[in-house]
Amino acid sequence: MRVVVQRVSSAAVDVGGETVGAIGKGLLLLVGVTHDDAEEDARWLADKIAGLRIFEDDAGKMNLSVLDVGGSILSVSQFTLYGDCRKGKRPNFMEAARPEQAEPLYETLNRLLRGHGLTVETGRFGAMMEVRLVNDGPVTLFLDTRDRGR
């Protein structure tokens, strides 16, 4: 699984002109799933994201987690994170998991984040979405479960 994590002061996602998820201070997650991902990948990501110390403390150091600051999560499915642009001009999405595999893992990640005590808003899986955000910092990180343990 791959996740782009953005620290935001606000974020929202619209589907068909309707806001389906919105948060204030917290994290916007763009979540991609590939073929060999499993629940353990979602669990590792949920633990990592809940504990990431990327919010500033009183001394201005990135030392606090989204939990520490009482922030929320906006989680948006994003199959294009597995787009391969090495050949030609059109991305190849063969590494992205099919919806019947990806959606349950995406939902598992959101459930596990809620299990940490976080408020989690979401987009609509498989829909064309418009995402609005105010990136705070800006702080943007990339997590890939294939990189864990290195």
C-alpha atoms as a PDB file:
ATOM      1  CA  MET A   1       0.000   0.000   0.000  1.00  0.00           C
ATOM      2  CA  ARG A   2       1.080   3.537  -0.687  1.00  0.00           C
ATOM      3  CA  VAL A   3      -0.104   6.663   1.083  1.00  0.00           C
ATOM      4  CA  VAL A   4       0.637  10.305   0.430  1.00  0.00           C
ATOM      5  CA  VAL A   5       0.264  12.058   3.794  1.00  0.00           C
ATOM      6  CA  GLN A   6      -0.349  15.796   3.782  1.00  0.00           C
ATOM      7  CA  ARG A   7      -0.549  17.897   6.928  1.00  0.00           C
ATOM      8  CA  VAL A   8      -3.487  20.232   6.413  1.00  0.00           C
ATOM      9  CA  SER A   9      -5.256  23.070   8.151  1.00  0.00           C
ATOM     10  CA  SER A  10      -8.378  22.015   6.235  1.00  0.00           C
ATOM     11  CA  ALA A  11      -9.402  19.591   3.495  1.00  0.00           C
ATOM     12  CA  ALA A  12     -12.585  18.469   1.779  1.00  0.00           C
ATOM     13  CA  VAL A  13     -13.653  16.091  -0.968  1.00  0.00           C
ATOM     14  CA  ASP A  14     -16.624  16.582  -3.292  1.00  0.00           C
ATOM     15  CA  VAL A  15     -18.427  14.069  -5.485  1.00  0.00           C
ATOM     16  CA  GLY A  16     -20.843  15.435  -8.049  1.00  0.00           C
ATOM     17  CA  GLY A  17     -20.830  18.875  -6.455  1.00  0.00           C
ATOM     18  CA  GLU A  18     -21.648  17.491  -2.973  1.00  0.00           C
ATOM     19  CA  THR A  19     -19.133  17.567  -0.111  1.00  0.00           C
ATOM     20  CA  VAL A  20     -18.869  13.985   1.141  1.00  0.00           C
ATOM     21  CA  GLY A  21     -15.986  14.471   3.600  1.00  0.00           C
ATOM     22  CA  ALA A  22     -14.337  17.460   5.269  1.00  0.00           C
ATOM     23  CA  ILE A  23     -11.915  18.114   8.116  1.00  0.00           C
ATOM     24  CA  GLY A  24     -10.162  20.988   9.812  1.00  0.00           C
ATOM     25  CA  LYS A  25      -6.652  20.492  11.190  1.00  0.00           C
ATOM     26  CA  GLY A  26      -5.280  17.049  10.501  1.00  0.00           C
ATOM     27  CA  LEU A  27      -4.047  14.786   7.721  1.00  0.00           C
ATOM     28  CA  LEU A  28      -5.204  14.246   4.161  1.00  0.00           C
ATOM     29  CA  LEU A  29      -4.383  10.706   3.043  1.00  0.00           C
ATOM     30  CA  LEU A  30      -4.278   9.631  -0.599  1.00  0.00           C
ATOM     31  CA  VAL A  31      -4.372   5.826  -0.410  1.00  0.00           C
ATOM     32  CA  GLY A  32      -3.332   3.329  -3.101  1.00  0.00           C
ATOM     33  CA  VAL A  33      -3.488  -0.479  -2.985  1.00  0.00           C
ATOM     34  CA  THR A  34      -1.547  -3.004  -5.077  1.00  0.00           C
ATOM     35  CA  HIS A  35      -2.088  -6.722  -5.738  1.00  0.00           C
ATOM     36  CA  ASP A  36      -0.058  -8.272  -2.921  1.00  0.00           C
ATOM     37  CA  ASP A  37      -1.242  -5.965  -0.136  1.00  0.00           C
ATOM     38  CA  ALA A  38      -2.890  -7.527   2.913  1.00  0.00           C
ATOM     39  CA  GLU A  39      -4.447  -6.517   6.224  1.00  0.00           C
ATOM     40  CA  GLU A  40      -0.998  -6.415   7.871  1.00  0.00           C
ATOM     41  CA  ASP A  41      -0.076  -3.605   5.454  1.00  0.00           C
ATOM     42  CA  ALA A  42      -3.152  -1.615   6.487  1.00  0.00           C
ATOM     43  CA  ARG A  43      -2.340  -2.233  10.155  1.00  0.00           C
ATOM     44  CA  TRP A  44       1.271  -1.054   9.741  1.00  0.00           C
ATOM     45  CA  LEU A  45       0.089   2.100   7.938  1.00  0.00           C
ATOM     46  CA  ALA A  46      -2.584   2.890  10.527  1.00  0.00           C
ATOM     47  CA  ASP A  47      -0.062   2.599  13.366  1.00  0.00           C
ATOM     48  CA  LYS A  48       2.519   4.653  11.461  1.00  0.00           C
ATOM     49  CA  ILE A  49       0.068   7.402  10.461  1.00  0.00           C
ATOM     50  CA  ALA A  50      -1.510   7.710  13.924  1.00  0.00           C
ATOM     51  CA  GLY A  51       1.929   8.103  15.497  1.00  0.00           C
ATOM     52  CA  LEU A  52       3.704  10.273  12.890  1.00  0.00           C
ATOM     53  CA  ARG A  53       5.150  13.258  14.721  1.00  0.00           C
ATOM     54  CA  ILE A  54       4.687  15.907  12.043  1.00  0.00           C
ATOM     55  CA  PHE A  55       2.841  18.632  13.953  1.00  0.00           C
ATOM     56  CA  GLU A  56       4.764  21.366  15.728  1.00  0.00           C
ATOM     57  CA  ASP A  57       5.057  21.571  19.495  1.00  0.00           C
ATOM     58  CA  ASP A  58       5.350  24.838  21.468  1.00  0.00           C
ATOM     59  CA  ALA A  59       9.031  25.040  20.523  1.00  0.00           C
ATOM     60  CA  GLY A  60       8.237  24.834  16.800  1.00  0.00           C
ATOM     61  CA  LYS A  61       9.639  21.297  16.424  1.00  0.00           C
ATOM     62  CA  MET A  62       7.740  18.585  14.570  1.00  0.00           C
ATOM     63  CA  ASN A  63       7.171  16.537  17.684  1.00  0.00           C
ATOM     64  CA  LEU A  64       3.411  15.905  17.900  1.00  0.00           C
ATOM     65  CA  SER A  65       1.122  13.393  16.194  1.00  0.00           C
ATOM     66  CA  VAL A  66      -2.340  13.933  14.763  1.00  0.00           C
ATOM     67  CA  LEU A  67      -3.634  12.321  17.965  1.00  0.00           C
ATOM     68  CA  ASP A  68      -1.638  14.741  20.135  1.00  0.00           C
ATOM     69  CA  VAL A  69      -3.129  17.793  18.402  1.00  0.00           C
ATOM     70  CA  GLY A  70      -6.699  16.463  18.274  1.00  0.00           C
ATOM     71  CA  GLY A  71      -6.648  16.413  14.487  1.00  0.00           C
ATOM     72  CA  SER A  72      -8.750  14.426  12.045  1.00  0.00           C
ATOM     73  CA  ILE A  73      -8.137  12.348   8.930  1.00  0.00           C
ATOM     74  CA  LEU A  74      -9.561  12.755   5.427  1.00  0.00           C
ATOM     75  CA  SER A  75      -8.870   9.499   3.586  1.00  0.00           C
ATOM     76  CA  VAL A  76      -9.236   9.390  -0.203  1.00  0.00           C
ATOM     77  CA  SER A  77      -8.710   6.301  -2.358  1.00  0.00           C
ATOM     78  CA  GLN A  78      -6.159   6.965  -5.114  1.00  0.00           C
ATOM     79  CA  PHE A  79      -5.365   4.104  -7.513  1.00  0.00           C
ATOM     80  CA  THR A  80      -3.144   6.423  -9.575  1.00  0.00           C
ATOM     81  CA  LEU A  81      -0.427   6.119  -6.898  1.00  0.00           C
ATOM     82  CA  TYR A  82       0.422   2.885  -8.684  1.00  0.00           C
ATOM     83  CA  GLY A  83       0.660   4.527 -12.099  1.00  0.00           C
ATOM     84  CA  ASP A  84       3.844   3.497 -13.908  1.00  0.00           C
ATOM     85  CA  CYS A  85       5.164   6.295 -16.122  1.00  0.00           C
ATOM     86  CA  ARG A  86       8.487   4.742 -17.115  1.00  0.00           C
ATOM     87  CA  LYS A  87       7.424   3.895 -20.671  1.00  0.00           C
ATOM     88  CA  GLY A  88       5.598   6.101 -23.125  1.00  0.00           C
ATOM     89  CA  LYS A  89       3.425   9.066 -22.241  1.00  0.00           C
ATOM     90  CA  ARG A  90       0.365   7.319 -20.805  1.00  0.00           C
ATOM     91  CA  PRO A  91       0.587   5.846 -17.282  1.00  0.00           C
ATOM     92  CA  ASN A  92       0.142   2.088 -16.907  1.00  0.00           C
ATOM     93  CA  PHE A  93      -2.040   1.175 -13.931  1.00  0.00           C
ATOM     94  CA  MET A  94      -1.441  -2.593 -13.949  1.00  0.00           C
ATOM     95  CA  GLU A  95       0.092  -2.449 -10.437  1.00  0.00           C
ATOM     96  CA  ALA A  96      -3.089  -0.974  -8.943  1.00  0.00           C
ATOM     97  CA  ALA A  97      -5.307  -3.577  -7.307  1.00  0.00           C
ATOM     98  CA  ARG A  98      -8.756  -4.229  -8.771  1.00  0.00           C
ATOM     99  CA  PRO A  99     -11.591  -2.514  -6.867  1.00  0.00           C
ATOM    100  CA  GLU A 100     -12.835  -5.778  -5.324  1.00  0.00           C
ATOM    101  CA  GLN A 101      -9.446  -6.176  -3.604  1.00  0.00           C
ATOM    102  CA  ALA A 102      -8.583  -2.512  -3.033  1.00  0.00           C
ATOM    103  CA  GLU A 103     -11.818  -1.307  -1.464  1.00  0.00           C
ATOM    104  CA  PRO A 104     -11.821  -3.766   1.484  1.00  0.00           C
ATOM    105  CA  LEU A 105      -8.192  -2.876   2.317  1.00  0.00           C
ATOM    106  CA  TYR A 106      -8.928   0.849   2.023  1.00  0.00           C
ATOM    107  CA  GLU A 107     -11.893   0.390   4.387  1.00  0.00           C
ATOM    108  CA  THR A 108      -9.732  -1.688   6.745  1.00  0.00           C
ATOM    109  CA  LEU A 109      -7.171   1.126   6.945  1.00  0.00           C
ATOM    110  CA  ASN A 110      -9.930   3.619   7.789  1.00  0.00           C
ATOM    111  CA  ARG A 111     -11.389   1.286  10.430  1.00  0.00           C
ATOM    112  CA  LEU A 112      -7.963   0.792  12.022  1.00  0.00           C
ATOM    113  CA  LEU A 113      -7.354   4.555  12.089  1.00  0.00           C
ATOM    114  CA  ARG A 114     -10.702   4.988  13.846  1.00  0.00           C
ATOM    115  CA  GLY A 115      -9.556   2.298  16.279  1.00  0.00           C
ATOM    116  CA  HIS A 116      -6.755   4.667  17.308  1.00  0.00           C
ATOM    117  CA  GLY A 117      -9.429   7.156  18.348  1.00  0.00           C
ATOM    118  CA  LEU A 118      -9.188   9.306  15.222  1.00  0.00           C
ATOM    119  CA  THR A 119     -12.105  10.897  13.421  1.00  0.00           C
ATOM    120  CA  VAL A 120     -11.882   9.681   9.821  1.00  0.00           C
ATOM    121  CA  GLU A 121     -13.802  11.261   6.961  1.00  0.00           C
ATOM    122  CA  THR A 122     -13.601   9.697   3.512  1.00  0.00           C
ATOM    123  CA  GLY A 123     -14.178  10.291  -0.141  1.00  0.00           C
ATOM    124  CA  ARG A 124     -16.280   7.853  -2.164  1.00  0.00           C
ATOM    125  CA  PHE A 125     -14.363   4.824  -3.396  1.00  0.00           C
ATOM    126  CA  GLY A 126     -14.204   4.623  -7.191  1.00  0.00           C
ATOM    127  CA  ALA A 127     -15.899   7.984  -7.767  1.00  0.00           C
ATOM    128  CA  MET A 128     -14.531  10.977  -9.644  1.00  0.00           C
ATOM    129  CA  MET A 129     -13.636  13.304  -6.784  1.00  0.00           C
ATOM    130  CA  GLU A 130     -12.518  16.881  -6.336  1.00  0.00           C
ATOM    131  CA  VAL A 131     -10.175  17.297  -3.383  1.00  0.00           C
ATOM    132  CA  ARG A 132      -9.533  20.698  -1.820  1.00  0.00           C
ATOM    133  CA  LEU A 133      -6.865  21.253   0.778  1.00  0.00           C
ATOM    134  CA  VAL A 134      -4.774  23.835   2.529  1.00  0.00           C
ATOM    135  CA  ASN A 135      -1.404  22.132   2.956  1.00  0.00           C
ATOM    136  CA  ASP A 136       0.062  23.282   6.272  1.00  0.00           C
ATOM    137  CA  GLY A 137       3.805  23.840   6.081  1.00  0.00           C
ATOM    138  CA  PRO A 138       3.707  22.474   3.461  1.00  0.00           C
ATOM    139  CA  VAL A 139       4.312  19.014   4.874  1.00  0.00           C
ATOM    140  CA  THR A 140       3.879  16.108   2.453  1.00  0.00           C
ATOM    141  CA  LEU A 141       5.223  12.593   3.056  1.00  0.00           C
ATOM    142  CA  PHE A 142       5.095   9.321   1.136  1.00  0.00           C
ATOM    143  CA  LEU A 143       4.644   5.971   2.878  1.00  0.00           C
ATOM    144  CA  ASP A 144       4.990   2.629   1.118  1.00  0.00           C
ATOM    145  CA  THR A 145       4.524  -0.653   2.991  1.00  0.00           C
ATOM    146  CA  ARG A 146       7.236  -2.222   0.831  1.00  0.00           C
ATOM    147  CA  ASP A 147       9.713   0.122   2.567  1.00  0.00           C
ATOM    148  CA  ARG A 148       8.916  -0.942   6.144  1.00  0.00           C
ATOM    149  CA  GLY A 149      11.654  -2.524   8.138  1.00  0.00           C
ATOM    150  CA  ARG A 150      14.482  -0.912   6.196  1.00  0.00           C
END
